[in-house]
């Protein structure tokens, strides 16, 4: 991504929470958008055992250990605050299932039905680093890898598919990019107080910005919090990647 003083901030948001999306209030959705503040609790639920954040163990596959980046999600958030172009993506269990061409995630998405898109994802992994990736942040949340059905196939993929030698590596600390703008230590789970939800206010990092949001329709409820200028419906995104990409480029080109 080349630095440019005129650019739209694109937010591609796709995540699952336990509450009903359609009936959720803006306050509830705002809380869930910031649920990285309790990612230790999320880790406990995901792993089915206690995880208090004391890193006395590692679930990083050996093939991944040589591709670890020293920066954290705090560094990515700082680029957002500094209005510098960057891309941030989080790799979760669904992406790993996609890389192996099979598996069903928590949202009951069957990745065996999307061979073309999953093949493209595998190619993208091997393309990381083929050009300057200093402003590309790829987060692989470590506790996802602690599940054998996730960590083992991801390690196997990396063993069987060599990554580009210039790839800067994966982030492993944190859960989501902090949109609040407070520079807490990465992975602490402490993001400070949430934005006001009774009288909604915009996330600090998104204020006075042109924001294009791509995601499921319920995110329209967060138009104030996300400072949405344009919303692109990302429903069933896997089947309409080309259309979404075109819509993203068209929206970004307006500014």
Protein backbone atom coordinates (compact mmCIF):
# COMPACT_ATOMS: atom_id res chain seq x y z
CA UNK A 1 0.00 0.00 0.00
CA UNK A 2 1.61 3.22 -1.11
CA UNK A 3 1.33 6.17 1.31
CA UNK A 4 -1.28 8.63 0.13
CA UNK A 5 -2.66 11.73 1.83
CA UNK A 6 -6.06 11.05 0.30
CA UNK A 7 -7.42 7.67 1.23
CA UNK A 8 -10.54 6.17 2.68
CA UNK A 9 -10.32 3.98 5.74
CA UNK A 10 -11.77 0.58 4.87
CA UNK A 11 -13.08 -1.52 7.73
CA UNK A 12 -13.88 -5.12 6.86
CA UNK A 13 -15.68 -6.46 9.87
CA UNK A 14 -16.85 -10.02 10.28
CA UNK A 15 -17.14 -11.54 13.73
CA UNK A 16 -19.49 -13.70 15.76
CA UNK A 17 -20.84 -12.92 19.22
CA UNK A 18 -23.15 -14.91 21.40
CA UNK A 19 -25.98 -12.36 21.33
CA UNK A 20 -28.48 -12.06 18.49
CA UNK A 21 -27.15 -9.62 15.92
CA UNK A 22 -30.52 -8.56 14.59
CA UNK A 23 -31.95 -7.64 17.99
CA UNK A 24 -28.75 -6.30 19.53
CA UNK A 25 -28.65 -2.66 20.56
CA UNK A 26 -25.90 -0.31 19.48
CA UNK A 27 -24.55 -0.44 23.04
CA UNK A 28 -24.25 -4.24 22.89
CA UNK A 29 -22.65 -4.21 19.45
CA UNK A 30 -20.17 -1.54 20.50
CA UNK A 31 -19.20 -3.68 23.48
CA UNK A 32 -18.75 -6.74 21.28
CA UNK A 33 -16.70 -4.78 18.76
CA UNK A 34 -14.33 -3.99 21.60
CA UNK A 35 -14.48 -7.47 23.15
CA UNK A 36 -10.73 -7.77 22.72
CA UNK A 37 -10.67 -6.14 26.18
CA UNK A 38 -11.53 -9.60 27.57
CA UNK A 39 -9.63 -11.81 25.15
CA UNK A 40 -8.22 -13.86 28.02
CA UNK A 41 -11.79 -14.86 28.86
CA UNK A 42 -12.38 -15.62 25.18
CA UNK A 43 -9.32 -17.84 25.22
CA UNK A 44 -10.69 -19.76 28.19
CA UNK A 45 -14.01 -20.36 26.44
CA UNK A 46 -12.32 -21.37 23.22
CA UNK A 47 -9.84 -23.76 24.82
CA UNK A 48 -12.29 -25.13 27.34
CA UNK A 49 -9.82 -24.57 30.17
CA UNK A 50 -8.46 -21.79 32.33
CA UNK A 51 -6.12 -19.29 30.73
CA UNK A 52 -5.07 -16.38 32.91
CA UNK A 53 -2.64 -14.78 30.47
CA UNK A 54 0.51 -16.07 32.13
CA UNK A 55 2.56 -17.12 29.12
CA UNK A 56 4.39 -20.17 30.46
CA UNK A 57 3.59 -22.15 27.33
CA UNK A 58 3.54 -21.72 23.57
CA UNK A 59 1.25 -23.22 20.94
CA UNK A 60 3.13 -21.73 17.98
CA UNK A 61 4.02 -24.48 15.47
CA UNK A 62 7.78 -24.87 14.79
CA UNK A 63 7.30 -23.91 11.15
CA UNK A 64 5.74 -20.62 12.26
CA UNK A 65 8.33 -19.75 14.90
CA UNK A 66 10.76 -18.42 12.29
CA UNK A 67 8.10 -16.05 10.96
CA UNK A 68 7.30 -14.00 14.08
CA UNK A 69 7.21 -10.23 13.83
CA UNK A 70 8.48 -8.09 16.70
CA UNK A 71 5.74 -5.47 16.36
CA UNK A 72 2.35 -5.75 18.06
CA UNK A 73 -1.19 -4.59 17.45
CA UNK A 74 -0.21 -1.39 19.28
CA UNK A 75 2.15 -0.55 16.40
CA UNK A 76 -0.67 -1.03 13.90
CA UNK A 77 -2.99 1.16 15.99
CA UNK A 78 -0.30 3.83 16.11
CA UNK A 79 -0.25 3.94 12.30
CA UNK A 80 -4.00 4.48 12.41
CA UNK A 81 -3.56 7.37 14.84
CA UNK A 82 -0.78 8.81 12.66
CA UNK A 83 -3.02 8.52 9.56
CA UNK A 84 -0.53 6.30 7.78
CA UNK A 85 -1.91 3.70 5.32
CA UNK A 86 -1.71 0.11 6.48
CA UNK A 87 -3.55 -3.20 6.24
CA UNK A 88 -4.45 -5.34 9.25
CA UNK A 89 -5.87 -8.84 9.06
CA UNK A 90 -6.51 -11.46 11.71
CA UNK A 91 -6.12 -15.16 10.97
CA UNK A 92 -8.49 -17.33 12.99
CA UNK A 93 -9.66 -20.91 13.03
CA UNK A 94 -11.86 -20.43 9.95
CA UNK A 95 -8.91 -19.26 7.88
CA UNK A 96 -6.93 -22.33 8.91
CA UNK A 97 -9.83 -24.58 7.93
CA UNK A 98 -9.90 -22.78 4.60
CA UNK A 99 -6.18 -23.33 4.08
CA UNK A 100 -6.66 -27.08 4.48
CA UNK A 101 -9.78 -26.99 2.29
CA UNK A 102 -12.17 -28.42 4.87
CA UNK A 103 -13.71 -27.78 8.24
CA UNK A 104 -16.66 -25.90 9.74
CA UNK A 105 -16.16 -22.86 11.96
CA UNK A 106 -18.23 -21.54 14.87
CA UNK A 107 -20.60 -19.81 12.44
CA UNK A 108 -21.26 -23.16 10.69
CA UNK A 109 -19.46 -22.07 7.54
CA UNK A 110 -18.34 -25.14 5.59
CA UNK A 111 -15.06 -24.24 3.86
CA UNK A 112 -15.12 -27.28 1.61
CA UNK A 113 -17.75 -25.41 -0.41
CA UNK A 114 -15.33 -22.63 -1.35
CA UNK A 115 -12.30 -24.31 -2.99
CA UNK A 116 -11.56 -21.38 -5.31
CA UNK A 117 -11.51 -18.78 -2.53
CA UNK A 118 -9.50 -21.02 -0.21
CA UNK A 119 -6.94 -21.71 -2.93
CA UNK A 120 -6.61 -17.96 -3.40
CA UNK A 121 -6.08 -17.52 0.35
CA UNK A 122 -3.28 -20.09 0.26
CA UNK A 123 -1.64 -18.22 -2.63
CA UNK A 124 -1.95 -14.93 -0.73
CA UNK A 125 -0.11 -16.42 2.24
CA UNK A 126 2.81 -17.34 0.02
CA UNK A 127 2.73 -13.89 -1.57
CA UNK A 128 3.21 -11.99 1.71
CA UNK A 129 6.57 -10.26 1.49
CA UNK A 130 6.82 -10.31 -2.31
CA UNK A 131 6.60 -6.52 -2.05
CA UNK A 132 7.18 -4.10 0.81
CA UNK A 133 5.02 -5.38 3.66
CA UNK A 134 6.17 -2.98 6.38
CA UNK A 135 2.60 -1.67 6.64
CA UNK A 136 0.95 -5.10 6.45
CA UNK A 137 0.07 -6.61 9.83
CA UNK A 138 -1.08 -10.25 9.86
CA UNK A 139 -2.22 -11.39 13.31
CA UNK A 140 -2.43 -15.09 14.20
CA UNK A 141 -3.97 -15.28 17.66
CA UNK A 142 -1.94 -17.86 19.54
CA UNK A 143 -4.74 -19.41 21.58
CA UNK A 144 -6.46 -20.45 18.32
CA UNK A 145 -3.39 -22.56 17.62
CA UNK A 146 -3.76 -24.40 20.93
CA UNK A 147 -6.65 -26.35 19.50
CA UNK A 148 -5.15 -29.44 17.76
CA UNK A 149 -7.60 -29.14 14.87
CA UNK A 150 -6.26 -25.63 14.23
CA UNK A 151 -2.60 -25.59 15.29
CA UNK A 152 -1.59 -28.86 13.62
CA UNK A 153 -3.02 -28.13 10.14
CA UNK A 154 -1.63 -24.58 10.24
CA UNK A 155 1.80 -25.94 11.10
CA UNK A 156 1.46 -28.53 8.33
CA UNK A 157 0.51 -25.84 5.83
CA UNK A 158 3.58 -23.77 6.68
CA UNK A 159 5.81 -26.84 6.44
CA UNK A 160 4.45 -27.74 3.01
CA UNK A 161 4.20 -24.20 1.59
CA UNK A 162 7.28 -22.04 1.92
CA UNK A 163 6.53 -18.42 2.74
CA UNK A 164 8.32 -15.61 0.93
CA UNK A 165 11.79 -15.04 2.41
CA UNK A 166 11.09 -11.30 2.71
CA UNK A 167 7.86 -11.75 4.68
CA UNK A 168 8.07 -9.64 7.87
CA UNK A 169 6.24 -12.30 9.87
CA UNK A 170 3.08 -12.74 11.92
CA UNK A 171 1.89 -10.82 14.94
CA UNK A 172 0.88 -13.14 17.79
CA UNK A 173 -0.02 -10.76 20.62
CA UNK A 174 -3.45 -9.18 21.03
CA UNK A 175 -6.84 -10.10 19.63
CA UNK A 176 -8.26 -7.16 17.68
CA UNK A 177 -7.00 -3.78 16.56
CA UNK A 178 -7.79 -1.24 19.26
CA UNK A 179 -10.07 1.41 17.74
CA UNK A 180 -10.38 3.33 20.99
CA UNK A 181 -6.98 4.91 20.51
CA UNK A 182 -5.56 4.29 23.97
CA UNK A 183 -2.08 2.79 23.77
CA UNK A 184 -2.40 0.03 26.34
CA UNK A 185 0.15 -2.76 26.31
CA UNK A 186 -0.60 -5.33 23.62
CA UNK A 187 -2.43 -8.39 24.87
CA UNK A 188 -3.27 -6.88 28.25
CA UNK A 189 -6.99 -6.97 27.57
CA UNK A 190 -7.26 -3.45 29.04
CA UNK A 191 -8.62 -0.94 26.56
CA UNK A 192 -9.88 1.60 29.04
CA UNK A 193 -13.49 2.87 29.13
CA UNK A 194 -15.69 2.22 26.11
CA UNK A 195 -17.21 5.05 24.03
CA UNK A 196 -20.53 6.39 25.29
CA UNK A 197 -23.31 4.15 24.03
CA UNK A 198 -26.35 5.92 25.48
CA UNK A 199 -25.37 9.04 23.55
CA UNK A 200 -23.14 7.29 20.96
CA UNK A 201 -19.77 8.80 20.21
CA UNK A 202 -17.24 7.86 17.56
CA UNK A 203 -14.13 5.82 18.31
CA UNK A 204 -11.23 8.23 18.78
CA UNK A 205 -9.20 6.78 15.93
CA UNK A 206 -12.10 7.10 13.47
CA UNK A 207 -13.14 10.67 14.25
CA UNK A 208 -12.84 13.12 11.35
CA UNK A 209 -12.10 10.26 8.99
CA UNK A 210 -13.78 8.93 5.87
CA UNK A 211 -14.72 5.39 6.82
CA UNK A 212 -16.04 2.71 4.47
CA UNK A 213 -17.41 -0.29 6.38
CA UNK A 214 -17.73 -3.71 4.75
CA UNK A 215 -19.59 -6.31 6.79
CA UNK A 216 -22.95 -7.85 7.75
CA UNK A 217 -26.04 -5.56 7.81
CA UNK A 218 -26.27 -5.34 11.61
CA UNK A 219 -23.14 -3.17 11.59
CA UNK A 220 -25.26 -0.36 10.15
CA UNK A 221 -26.36 0.14 13.75
CA UNK A 222 -22.82 1.34 14.50
CA UNK A 223 -22.79 4.11 11.91
CA UNK A 224 -22.13 6.74 14.58
CA UNK A 225 -19.54 4.73 16.50
CA UNK A 226 -17.64 3.77 13.33
CA UNK A 227 -18.19 7.15 11.65
CA UNK A 228 -19.48 5.33 8.58
CA UNK A 229 -19.49 7.30 5.32
CA UNK A 230 -20.35 4.34 3.08
CA UNK A 231 -21.57 0.89 4.04
CA UNK A 232 -21.01 -2.13 1.78
CA UNK A 233 -23.07 -5.22 2.57
CA UNK A 234 -20.69 -8.15 3.04
CA UNK A 235 -23.35 -10.82 3.41
CA UNK A 236 -22.16 -14.14 1.90
CA UNK A 237 -18.87 -12.47 1.06
CA UNK A 238 -17.17 -15.70 -0.01
CA UNK A 239 -19.44 -15.99 -3.04
CA UNK A 240 -19.02 -12.42 -4.27
CA UNK A 241 -15.41 -11.49 -3.68
CA UNK A 242 -15.02 -9.81 -7.07
CA UNK A 243 -18.06 -7.59 -6.55
CA UNK A 244 -16.96 -6.58 -3.08
CA UNK A 245 -13.45 -5.80 -4.29
CA UNK A 246 -14.86 -3.60 -7.06
CA UNK A 247 -17.12 -1.81 -4.58
CA UNK A 248 -14.19 -1.22 -2.23
CA UNK A 249 -12.05 0.25 -5.00
CA UNK A 250 -14.90 2.47 -6.18
CA UNK A 251 -15.56 3.77 -2.68
CA UNK A 252 -11.89 4.37 -1.92
CA UNK A 253 -11.39 6.23 -5.20
CA UNK A 254 -13.97 8.85 -4.17
CA UNK A 255 -11.52 10.38 -1.72
